[in-house]
Amino acid sequence: MTSPSLYWLRNDLRLADNAALTAAAAQGPVIFLYVLDDETPGDWRLGGASRWWLHHSLTSLSAKAPLTLRRGPADKVIAEVLKETGAGSVHFTRDYAPWSGALERRVKAACEASGAACHRYGGFLLHEPEAIRNGSGEPYRVYTPFSKACFATGEPKPLKPVPAFTSFAAKLASDRLDDWDLLPTKPDWAKGFSGFWTPGEEGAAARLKAFIADGLTHYADERDRPDRDVTSRLSPHLRFGNISPAQCWHAVRAAQFKSGGKLDKTAEKFLKEILWREFSYHLLHHWPTLPTEPFRPEFRAFPWAEDGEGLAAWQRGRTGYPIVDAGMRELWATGTMHNRVRMIAASFLIKDLLIPWAEGERWFWDTLVDADIGSNSASWQWVAGCGADAAPYFRIFNPVLQGEKFDGQGTYVRKWVPELARLPNQFVHKPWEAPRLVLDAAGVELGRNYPHPVVDHGQARDKALAAFKQIKGAA
C-alpha cells in the first residue's frame, strides 16, 4: 500500500500553481494539514483582521479538499500526524518570516526522526531571496536596481495546473474551524468586511479578472487616487496564497499581449508593485530584524514622543485632518486602506505626531487583512526614513496638500468622514479654515462633531526636522 504524503498548508491556501501540493499528490494519497500556530511567531501571531481572512480562506478551501485542522507548534503537530498516519513524505511552501527558518529546520528534524522525506518548495515569491544579488554578490539595498535585476531574469516559470489528487481515506482527528474563534463576536468589528472581500481561491481569481478588465488600463495614471477604484486589491489574496504572484504576473502579461502592447506603461507599473513585495521579503530575509529594528541604526537614537492621546486619535480617525481620518476609518470598516492614503497616514503618525513607526506597524498588523510581515515592516520603515531605499526623513507629507492633490473633489473624504460631506470642495480637506457661516451651513461644529486638528502641521513639521537634525548630528 502506498503511504500517504503530508501536505502542510501555510500561506498557500489554493490548489492551482502550487508546487508543494503537486509534488505531494504525485507521491500518494494526500493529507491536507493546516496548523494554527500561535506560539512560534511570538508577538507576531496573526492579528484580528488576518484571522478573519484565514477563517474564510480555510472555509473556501475545505469545499475542495478535506482539511485536517490542528492547533499548536507546527513542528510538534506534524510529528504527531506523521506518527498517526505513517506518511512517507512532507511537502510545504517556504516561508520567510524571521521565525520560519528555525521552524522549518525543526520540521525537517521531525521528518528525519520518523523516517519521512522532507521537501520544501517556492511559490510565495517569484524569486528566492538568495537568487537576486548585485554585481558584488551582495543583497540589494535599493529597490530600482533590484527590480531591474528581477526583470532581467525573464518571465516566471509556467503555471502549474490543479493536480489530480487522492485524499487520505483514514479519518484523522481534526479541530472544528469554528472552535478556533477566528471571527470577532461582540462587537463584530468585521461586519463590513464580507461586503468588500471574498477570501479564497475563487475570490482571488475573480478579483484578478475584474482588475484586468476594469482597473489595469488606468492603473499607472490613477493608482494614487483614493476616489477611483483602479487598484488591484489583490494583496490579502497574495498574503494568504489564495493566488500566486506568478498567476498575477502571467495574467497581466497576457492582457498586455492581447492589447497589442498598449498596456506597456501600466502593466510595468503593476508588475513593479509585485516586485516591491519581492524586495520587501528580500530585505526581510537578509535583515530579519526589520520588523523591530530600524534598518538605519542611527534611528535608534531618534527622540520619539510618548503621546497616547495622539496615537488613539490616529487609530480612531479623529486627528482633525480629513484625508488621514478617512484612511483610518476605511481601514477599520474594510480591513484595508488605499496605498497612497497609507503613506499619508503613516507620515502623519511618524512625522506630525513623532510617534514611533513600530506603533503604526503594530496597528496595521492587527487591522489589515493583508498584514504581511515583509511588506508591512519594509513600508513603515520606508515612510519613516529609517529603512532601505527609504524616503528621506525630511520628506514630510502635508495632509492638506495631499488630500487636495489626490482627492480634489473630496469624494473619498466624504465617503469615510460623512460629517464633512456638505462642506464645499475648497474646505473639505481643511475645515478649520472654513468661515463660521460655511461650517454652520454644512452642519459642522469643530470640537463637537468633528475634531480640531490635534497638531498644527507647520509647527509639527519644524519639530520633526529638528528631531532629525539631532540624530543626523550625532551620526
Protein backbone atom coordinates (compact mmCIF):
# COMPACT_ATOMS: atom_id res chain seq x y z
CA MET A 1 0.00 0.00 0.00
CA THR A 2 1.31 3.45 -0.90
CA SER A 3 2.00 5.54 2.17
CA PRO A 4 0.28 8.92 2.29
CA SER A 5 2.06 12.20 1.75
CA LEU A 6 1.54 15.10 4.13
CA TYR A 7 0.91 18.50 2.61
CA TRP A 8 1.43 21.18 5.24
CA LEU A 9 -0.63 24.22 4.27
CA ARG A 10 0.83 27.58 5.17
CA ASN A 11 0.49 30.83 3.21
CA ASP A 12 -0.51 28.88 0.10
CA LEU A 13 -4.24 28.35 0.54
CA ARG A 14 -5.02 27.34 -3.05
CA LEU A 15 -4.88 24.31 -5.34
CA ALA A 16 -3.59 25.86 -8.58
CA ASP A 17 0.05 26.77 -9.23
CA ASN A 18 1.09 25.02 -6.05
CA ALA A 19 4.37 23.13 -6.33
CA ALA A 20 4.13 21.61 -2.85
CA LEU A 21 0.66 20.18 -3.45
CA THR A 22 1.57 18.99 -6.94
CA ALA A 23 4.55 17.05 -5.57
CA ALA A 24 2.56 15.62 -2.67
CA ALA A 25 -0.23 14.46 -4.98
CA ALA A 26 2.29 12.65 -7.20
CA GLN A 27 3.54 10.53 -4.30
CA GLY A 28 0.35 9.15 -2.81
CA PRO A 29 -2.89 9.97 -1.00
CA VAL A 30 -2.67 13.49 0.38
CA ILE A 31 -3.23 14.61 3.95
CA PHE A 32 -4.14 18.29 3.87
CA LEU A 33 -2.93 19.68 7.20
CA TYR A 34 -3.31 23.24 8.41
CA VAL A 35 -1.76 24.15 11.77
CA LEU A 36 -2.82 27.25 13.68
CA ASP A 37 0.48 28.00 15.39
CA ASP A 38 0.17 30.99 17.70
CA GLU A 39 3.26 30.06 19.69
CA THR A 40 6.09 30.06 17.17
CA PRO A 41 5.59 33.67 15.89
CA GLY A 42 5.54 35.05 19.44
CA ASP A 43 4.38 38.65 19.35
CA TRP A 44 3.66 38.32 15.63
CA ARG A 45 0.78 35.87 15.88
CA LEU A 46 -1.94 36.67 13.36
CA GLY A 47 -3.83 39.88 14.05
CA GLY A 48 -7.59 40.17 14.21
CA ALA A 49 -8.27 41.10 10.57
CA SER A 50 -5.89 38.40 9.32
CA ARG A 51 -7.68 35.81 11.42
CA TRP A 52 -10.96 36.81 9.76
CA TRP A 53 -9.36 36.27 6.34
CA LEU A 54 -7.85 32.96 7.40
CA HIS A 55 -11.22 31.65 8.60
CA HIS A 56 -12.90 32.37 5.29
CA SER A 57 -9.95 31.15 3.19
CA LEU A 58 -9.98 27.81 5.02
CA THR A 59 -13.75 27.59 4.64
CA SER A 60 -13.38 28.13 0.90
CA LEU A 61 -10.58 25.60 0.55
CA SER A 62 -12.40 22.95 2.62
CA ALA A 63 -15.09 22.81 -0.07
CA LYS A 64 -12.48 21.43 -2.49
CA ALA A 65 -10.23 19.32 -0.25
CA PRO A 66 -10.69 17.67 3.15
CA LEU A 67 -8.69 19.64 5.70
CA THR A 68 -7.21 18.35 8.92
CA LEU A 69 -7.04 21.24 11.36
CA ARG A 70 -4.76 21.15 14.38
CA ARG A 71 -3.56 23.80 16.80
CA GLY A 72 -0.13 24.11 18.43
CA PRO A 73 3.56 24.41 17.49
CA ALA A 74 3.68 23.30 13.87
CA ASP A 75 6.70 21.01 14.19
CA LYS A 76 5.14 19.12 17.10
CA VAL A 77 1.80 18.77 15.33
CA ILE A 78 3.49 17.49 12.18
CA ALA A 79 5.44 14.94 14.24
CA GLU A 80 2.15 13.74 15.75
CA VAL A 81 0.45 13.38 12.37
CA LEU A 82 3.44 11.51 10.95
CA LYS A 83 3.21 9.06 13.84
CA GLU A 84 -0.55 8.65 13.43
CA THR A 85 -0.51 8.11 9.67
CA GLY A 86 2.87 6.71 8.71
CA ALA A 87 3.14 9.35 5.99
CA GLY A 88 6.27 8.85 3.94
CA SER A 89 6.87 12.46 2.97
CA VAL A 90 6.09 16.03 3.99
CA HIS A 91 5.69 18.83 1.47
CA PHE A 92 5.37 22.55 2.19
CA THR A 93 5.87 26.00 0.70
CA ARG A 94 8.74 28.03 2.07
CA ASP A 95 8.00 31.00 4.33
CA TYR A 96 10.32 33.94 5.01
CA ALA A 97 9.25 35.33 8.38
CA PRO A 98 12.12 35.72 10.88
CA TRP A 99 10.97 32.64 12.84
CA SER A 100 10.28 30.43 9.82
CA GLY A 101 13.79 29.21 9.09
CA ALA A 102 14.20 27.70 12.55
CA LEU A 103 10.70 26.21 12.37
CA GLU A 104 11.41 24.60 9.02
CA ARG A 105 14.59 23.06 10.41
CA ARG A 106 12.60 21.60 13.32
CA VAL A 107 10.07 20.18 10.87
CA LYS A 108 12.90 18.58 8.90
CA ALA A 109 14.26 17.05 12.11
CA ALA A 110 10.79 15.67 12.92
CA CYS A 111 10.62 14.13 9.47
CA GLU A 112 14.04 12.52 9.85
CA ALA A 113 13.05 11.12 13.23
CA SER A 114 10.01 9.43 11.69
CA GLY A 115 11.74 8.29 8.51
CA ALA A 116 9.76 10.65 6.27
CA ALA A 117 11.26 12.66 3.45
CA CYS A 118 11.02 16.45 3.83
CA HIS A 119 10.51 18.66 0.78
CA ARG A 120 10.35 22.46 0.66
CA TYR A 121 9.20 24.48 -2.35
CA GLY A 122 8.99 28.07 -3.53
CA GLY A 123 5.82 29.76 -4.67
CA PHE A 124 5.10 32.55 -2.22
CA LEU A 125 7.55 34.74 -4.16
CA LEU A 126 8.70 34.89 -7.77
CA HIS A 127 12.36 34.83 -6.75
CA GLU A 128 14.00 33.25 -3.75
CA PRO A 129 15.76 35.94 -1.68
CA GLU A 130 19.18 34.36 -2.23
CA ALA A 131 18.74 34.31 -6.00
CA ILE A 132 18.85 38.06 -6.67
CA ARG A 133 22.28 39.59 -5.93
CA ASN A 134 24.10 42.71 -7.03
CA GLY A 135 27.32 42.73 -9.02
CA SER A 136 29.34 42.16 -5.83
CA GLY A 137 27.27 39.16 -4.84
CA GLU A 138 25.59 41.09 -2.02
CA PRO A 139 21.87 41.55 -1.37
CA TYR A 140 20.28 44.66 -2.77
CA ARG A 141 19.51 47.64 -0.54
CA VAL A 142 17.88 49.82 -3.21
CA TYR A 143 14.64 48.93 -4.96
CA THR A 144 15.22 50.19 -8.52
CA PRO A 145 18.32 48.11 -9.32
CA PHE A 146 16.65 45.17 -7.54
CA SER A 147 13.59 45.43 -9.79
CA LYS A 148 15.78 45.72 -12.90
CA ALA A 149 17.63 42.57 -11.85
CA CYS A 150 14.32 40.77 -11.42
CA PHE A 151 13.07 41.84 -14.86
CA ALA A 152 16.39 40.69 -16.33
CA THR A 153 15.77 37.11 -15.14
CA GLY A 154 12.94 36.78 -17.65
CA GLU A 155 9.39 35.60 -17.19
CA PRO A 156 8.34 33.38 -14.27
CA LYS A 157 8.01 29.64 -14.78
CA PRO A 158 4.81 28.38 -16.45
CA LEU A 159 1.90 27.94 -14.07
CA LYS A 160 1.11 24.54 -12.60
CA PRO A 161 -2.46 23.31 -13.08
CA VAL A 162 -4.56 21.94 -10.23
CA PRO A 163 -3.15 18.45 -9.71
CA ALA A 164 -5.27 15.33 -9.64
CA PHE A 165 -5.10 14.09 -6.08
CA THR A 166 -6.49 11.36 -3.86
CA SER A 167 -7.31 12.35 -0.33
CA PHE A 168 -6.11 10.21 2.54
CA ALA A 169 -9.02 7.92 3.35
CA ALA A 170 -8.45 7.38 7.07
CA LYS A 171 -10.34 9.62 9.45
CA LEU A 172 -7.99 11.90 11.37
CA ALA A 173 -8.79 13.88 14.47
CA SER A 174 -9.38 17.48 13.46
CA ASP A 175 -10.42 20.66 15.20
CA ARG A 176 -13.60 22.40 14.16
CA LEU A 177 -12.76 25.66 12.43
CA ASP A 178 -15.46 27.49 14.38
CA ASP A 179 -13.82 26.40 17.63
CA TRP A 180 -10.72 28.43 16.74
CA ASP A 181 -12.70 31.64 17.29
CA LEU A 182 -11.02 33.41 14.40
CA LEU A 183 -14.04 35.62 13.81
CA PRO A 184 -14.94 38.56 16.06
CA THR A 185 -18.13 38.27 18.06
CA LYS A 186 -19.12 41.17 20.31
CA PRO A 187 -18.56 43.69 18.98
CA ASP A 188 -18.38 42.39 15.42
CA TRP A 189 -15.94 44.97 14.12
CA ALA A 190 -15.57 42.98 10.87
CA LYS A 191 -19.26 43.13 9.91
CA GLY A 192 -18.46 45.27 6.87
CA PHE A 193 -15.69 43.03 5.55
CA SER A 194 -17.94 40.48 3.82
CA GLY A 195 -19.44 43.09 1.52
CA PHE A 196 -15.97 44.13 0.39
CA TRP A 197 -13.96 40.89 0.22
CA THR A 198 -14.31 37.30 -0.98
CA PRO A 199 -11.39 35.38 0.55
CA GLY A 200 -10.29 32.16 -1.10
CA GLU A 201 -9.02 30.93 -4.42
CA GLU A 202 -12.19 31.68 -6.39
CA GLY A 203 -12.41 35.16 -4.90
CA ALA A 204 -8.79 35.83 -5.86
CA ALA A 205 -9.34 34.68 -9.44
CA ALA A 206 -12.45 36.84 -9.75
CA ARG A 207 -10.64 39.84 -8.27
CA LEU A 208 -7.72 39.47 -10.72
CA LYS A 209 -10.11 39.13 -13.66
CA ALA A 210 -12.06 42.23 -12.61
CA PHE A 211 -8.89 44.25 -12.13
CA ILE A 212 -7.57 43.39 -15.58
CA ALA A 213 -10.95 44.19 -17.15
CA ASP A 214 -11.70 47.43 -15.32
CA GLY A 215 -8.69 48.83 -13.48
CA LEU A 216 -5.49 47.88 -15.23
CA THR A 217 -5.73 50.30 -18.16
CA HIS A 218 -6.00 53.23 -15.71
CA TYR A 219 -3.60 51.85 -13.12
CA ALA A 220 -0.47 53.83 -13.96
CA ASP A 221 -2.25 57.19 -14.13
CA GLU A 222 -4.84 56.82 -11.37
CA ARG A 223 -3.49 54.37 -8.81
CA ASP A 224 -2.75 57.24 -6.40
CA ARG A 225 -6.37 58.41 -6.47
CA PRO A 226 -8.28 57.01 -3.48
CA ASP A 227 -11.54 58.22 -5.04
CA ARG A 228 -11.02 55.88 -8.03
CA ASP A 229 -11.40 52.10 -7.98
CA VAL A 230 -8.37 51.15 -10.07
CA THR A 231 -6.12 49.29 -7.62
CA SER A 232 -5.98 45.51 -7.74
CA ARG A 233 -6.99 44.74 -4.12
CA LEU A 234 -5.04 41.50 -4.52
CA SER A 235 -2.69 41.99 -1.57
CA PRO A 236 -4.61 39.88 1.00
CA HIS A 237 -5.04 37.12 -1.58
CA LEU A 238 -1.28 37.14 -2.16
CA ARG A 239 -0.63 37.30 1.59
CA PHE A 240 -2.54 34.08 2.23
CA GLY A 241 -1.65 32.43 -1.05
CA ASN A 242 -5.18 32.38 -2.47
CA ILE A 243 -3.31 33.33 -5.62
CA SER A 244 0.39 33.20 -6.51
CA PRO A 245 2.44 36.16 -7.72
CA ALA A 246 3.21 34.17 -10.86
CA GLN A 247 -0.51 33.89 -11.63
CA CYS A 248 -0.84 37.66 -11.33
CA TRP A 249 2.26 38.27 -13.43
CA HIS A 250 1.25 35.94 -16.26
CA ALA A 251 -2.33 37.28 -16.34
CA VAL A 252 -1.13 40.87 -16.71
CA ARG A 253 1.38 39.86 -19.39
CA ALA A 254 -1.41 38.03 -21.25
CA ALA A 255 -3.60 41.14 -21.12
CA GLN A 256 -0.68 43.19 -22.42
CA PHE A 257 -0.22 40.76 -25.31
CA LYS A 258 -3.93 40.83 -26.22
CA SER A 259 -3.89 44.62 -26.26
CA GLY A 260 -1.04 44.66 -28.75
CA GLY A 261 1.37 46.08 -26.19
CA LYS A 262 -0.87 49.04 -25.33
CA LEU A 263 -0.57 48.21 -21.66
CA ASP A 264 3.22 48.60 -21.62
CA LYS A 265 3.27 51.53 -19.21
CA THR A 266 0.50 50.43 -16.88
CA ALA A 267 1.45 46.74 -16.94
CA GLU A 268 5.02 47.60 -15.96
CA LYS A 269 3.74 49.83 -13.16
CA PHE A 270 1.68 46.98 -11.70
CA LEU A 271 4.46 44.43 -12.08
CA LYS A 272 6.79 46.79 -10.24
CA GLU A 273 4.36 46.67 -7.31
CA ILE A 274 4.66 42.88 -7.34
CA LEU A 275 8.42 43.40 -7.23
CA TRP A 276 8.16 45.82 -4.30
CA ARG A 277 6.64 42.87 -2.41
CA GLU A 278 9.60 40.78 -3.56
CA PHE A 279 12.03 43.48 -2.43
CA SER A 280 10.39 43.63 1.00
CA TYR A 281 10.97 39.92 1.50
CA HIS A 282 14.46 40.18 0.07
CA LEU A 283 15.21 42.70 2.81
CA LEU A 284 13.45 40.66 5.49
CA HIS A 285 15.40 37.54 4.63
CA HIS A 286 18.77 39.25 4.73
CA TRP A 287 17.92 41.57 7.65
CA PRO A 288 15.49 39.55 9.81
CA THR A 289 15.28 42.27 12.49
CA LEU A 290 13.42 44.50 10.01
CA PRO A 291 10.07 44.27 11.85
CA THR A 292 11.56 45.55 15.11
CA GLU A 293 14.80 47.43 14.45
CA PRO A 294 15.49 50.40 12.14
CA PHE A 295 17.46 49.40 9.08
CA ARG A 296 19.50 52.57 9.50
CA PRO A 297 20.96 52.18 13.01
CA GLU A 298 21.25 55.92 13.71
CA PHE A 299 17.46 56.00 14.06
CA ARG A 300 17.74 54.01 17.28
CA ALA A 301 18.57 57.33 18.94
CA PHE A 302 15.61 59.19 17.43
CA PRO A 303 13.81 61.27 20.11
CA TRP A 304 10.32 59.81 19.72
CA ALA A 305 7.41 61.24 21.67
CA GLU A 306 5.14 59.39 24.08
CA ASP A 307 1.69 60.50 23.02
CA GLY A 308 -1.06 58.09 23.97
CA GLU A 309 -3.79 60.58 23.14
CA GLY A 310 -2.32 61.31 19.73
CA LEU A 311 -1.99 57.60 18.96
CA ALA A 312 -5.60 56.96 19.97
CA ALA A 313 -6.83 59.87 17.84
CA TRP A 314 -4.91 58.49 14.86
CA GLN A 315 -6.24 54.96 15.39
CA ARG A 316 -9.85 56.16 15.64
CA GLY A 317 -9.65 58.54 12.67
CA ARG A 318 -10.08 61.62 14.85
CA THR A 319 -6.96 63.66 14.07
CA GLY A 320 -8.82 66.59 12.55
CA TYR A 321 -7.06 66.05 9.19
CA PRO A 322 -9.75 64.67 6.88
CA ILE A 323 -7.59 62.61 4.49
CA VAL A 324 -5.86 60.90 7.43
CA ASP A 325 -9.14 60.28 9.24
CA ALA A 326 -10.78 58.93 6.09
CA GLY A 327 -7.99 56.41 5.66
CA MET A 328 -8.07 55.23 9.25
CA ARG A 329 -11.84 54.81 9.12
CA GLU A 330 -11.65 52.96 5.81
CA LEU A 331 -9.15 50.63 7.46
CA TRP A 332 -11.44 49.92 10.42
CA ALA A 333 -14.51 49.37 8.22
CA THR A 334 -12.95 47.25 5.45
CA GLY A 335 -9.63 45.87 6.69
CA THR A 336 -7.71 47.80 4.06
CA MET A 337 -6.66 51.32 3.12
CA HIS A 338 -5.76 52.84 -0.23
CA ASN A 339 -1.99 52.73 -0.69
CA ARG A 340 -1.50 56.46 -1.20
CA VAL A 341 -3.51 57.16 1.95
CA ARG A 342 -1.45 54.56 3.85
CA MET A 343 1.61 56.68 3.13
CA ILE A 344 -0.15 59.89 4.17
CA ALA A 345 -1.48 58.35 7.39
CA ALA A 346 1.87 56.77 8.21
CA SER A 347 3.73 60.02 7.61
CA PHE A 348 1.29 61.85 9.87
CA LEU A 349 1.79 59.39 12.74
CA ILE A 350 5.57 59.42 12.46
CA LYS A 351 6.37 62.98 11.49
CA ASP A 352 3.45 65.09 12.70
CA LEU A 353 2.96 63.23 15.98
CA LEU A 354 6.55 61.90 16.37
CA ILE A 355 5.13 58.52 17.40
CA PRO A 356 7.43 55.56 16.64
CA TRP A 357 6.82 53.80 13.34
CA ALA A 358 6.58 50.48 15.19
CA GLU A 359 3.31 51.66 16.80
CA GLY A 360 1.78 52.12 13.38
CA GLU A 361 3.23 48.84 12.17
CA ARG A 362 1.53 47.06 15.10
CA TRP A 363 -1.82 48.73 14.44
CA PHE A 364 -1.70 47.75 10.79
CA TRP A 365 -0.69 44.22 11.78
CA ASP A 366 -3.92 43.87 13.73
CA THR A 367 -6.30 45.74 11.44
CA LEU A 368 -5.16 44.95 7.87
CA VAL A 369 -6.48 41.83 6.14
CA ASP A 370 -3.24 41.92 4.13
CA ALA A 371 -0.97 42.32 7.17
CA ASP A 372 2.27 40.95 5.82
CA ILE A 373 5.45 40.73 7.87
CA GLY A 374 7.65 41.67 4.91
CA SER A 375 5.72 44.47 3.23
CA ASN A 376 4.39 45.92 6.48
CA SER A 377 7.79 46.36 8.10
CA ALA A 378 9.59 47.50 4.94
CA SER A 379 6.91 50.02 4.06
CA TRP A 380 6.66 51.54 7.54
CA GLN A 381 10.43 51.93 7.63
CA TRP A 382 10.35 53.44 4.14
CA VAL A 383 7.95 56.18 5.24
CA ALA A 384 9.88 56.72 8.49
CA GLY A 385 13.10 57.31 6.57
CA CYS A 386 14.95 54.62 8.51
CA GLY A 387 14.57 51.75 6.05
CA ALA A 388 16.35 50.56 2.94
CA ASP A 389 15.97 52.89 -0.04
CA ALA A 390 13.76 54.96 2.24
CA ALA A 391 12.03 58.22 1.53
CA PRO A 392 14.22 60.88 3.16
CA TYR A 393 13.04 61.74 6.65
CA PHE A 394 12.73 65.39 5.68
CA ARG A 395 10.13 64.46 3.03
CA ILE A 396 7.05 65.10 5.14
CA PHE A 397 3.63 64.75 3.57
CA ASN A 398 1.38 67.76 4.04
CA PRO A 399 -2.01 66.08 4.64
CA VAL A 400 -3.96 69.04 3.26
CA LEU A 401 -1.98 69.30 0.02
CA GLN A 402 -2.01 65.51 -0.39
CA GLY A 403 -5.76 65.45 0.03
CA GLU A 404 -6.27 68.29 -2.44
CA LYS A 405 -3.95 66.68 -4.99
CA PHE A 406 -5.28 63.12 -4.90
CA ASP A 407 -8.88 63.65 -3.74
CA GLY A 408 -9.58 67.01 -5.31
CA GLN A 409 -13.38 66.74 -5.19
CA GLY A 410 -13.34 65.32 -1.68
CA THR A 411 -15.13 62.16 -2.81
CA TYR A 412 -13.01 59.84 -0.68
CA VAL A 413 -13.18 62.05 2.40
CA ARG A 414 -16.95 62.48 2.12
CA LYS A 415 -17.41 58.70 1.91
CA TRP A 416 -15.48 57.91 5.07
CA VAL A 417 -15.93 61.15 7.03
CA PRO A 418 -19.61 61.81 6.39
CA GLU A 419 -19.81 64.61 8.95
CA LEU A 420 -17.88 66.72 6.41
CA ALA A 421 -20.00 65.67 3.42
CA ARG A 422 -21.67 69.04 2.96
CA LEU A 423 -18.54 71.17 3.06
CA PRO A 424 -17.53 72.86 -0.21
CA ASN A 425 -14.54 71.35 -2.01
CA GLN A 426 -12.25 74.22 -1.03
CA PHE A 427 -12.66 73.41 2.68
CA VAL A 428 -13.26 69.67 2.75
CA HIS A 429 -9.56 69.00 3.37
CA LYS A 430 -9.11 71.91 5.80
CA PRO A 431 -12.39 72.52 7.61
CA TRP A 432 -10.71 74.71 10.24
CA GLU A 433 -10.23 77.38 7.56
CA ALA A 434 -13.92 77.49 6.63
CA PRO A 435 -15.85 80.59 7.74
CA ARG A 436 -18.36 80.06 10.52
CA LEU A 437 -21.30 80.53 8.16
CA VAL A 438 -19.95 77.81 5.85
CA LEU A 439 -19.45 75.42 8.75
CA ASP A 440 -22.95 76.12 10.05
CA ALA A 441 -24.50 75.55 6.63
CA ALA A 442 -22.65 72.21 6.37
CA GLY A 443 -23.65 71.15 9.88
CA VAL A 444 -20.03 71.04 11.04
CA GLU A 445 -19.17 72.12 14.56
CA LEU A 446 -15.46 71.78 15.14
CA GLY A 447 -14.69 70.30 18.50
CA ARG A 448 -18.11 68.66 18.70
CA ASN A 449 -18.98 66.52 15.66
CA TYR A 450 -15.54 66.78 14.06
CA PRO A 451 -12.29 67.47 15.96
CA HIS A 452 -9.96 70.39 15.71
CA PRO A 453 -6.55 69.33 14.31
CA VAL A 454 -4.56 67.55 17.00
CA VAL A 455 -1.43 69.42 15.85
CA ASP A 456 -0.56 72.33 13.62
CA HIS A 457 1.13 70.70 10.62
CA GLY A 458 3.59 73.55 10.06
CA GLN A 459 4.77 73.52 13.66
CA ALA A 460 4.85 69.72 13.72
CA ARG A 461 6.98 69.68 10.60
CA ASP A 462 9.52 72.04 12.15
CA LYS A 463 9.63 69.89 15.26
CA ALA A 464 10.18 66.73 13.23
CA LEU A 465 13.03 68.29 11.26
CA ALA A 466 14.66 69.48 14.49
CA ALA A 467 14.43 65.93 15.87
CA PHE A 468 16.02 64.57 12.70
CA LYS A 469 18.89 67.03 12.99
CA GLN A 470 19.65 65.61 16.44
CA ILE A 471 20.38 62.12 15.13
CA LYS A 472 21.96 63.46 11.95
CA GLY A 473 24.40 65.46 14.03
CA ALA A 474 25.06 62.52 16.33
CA ALA A 475 25.79 60.28 13.34
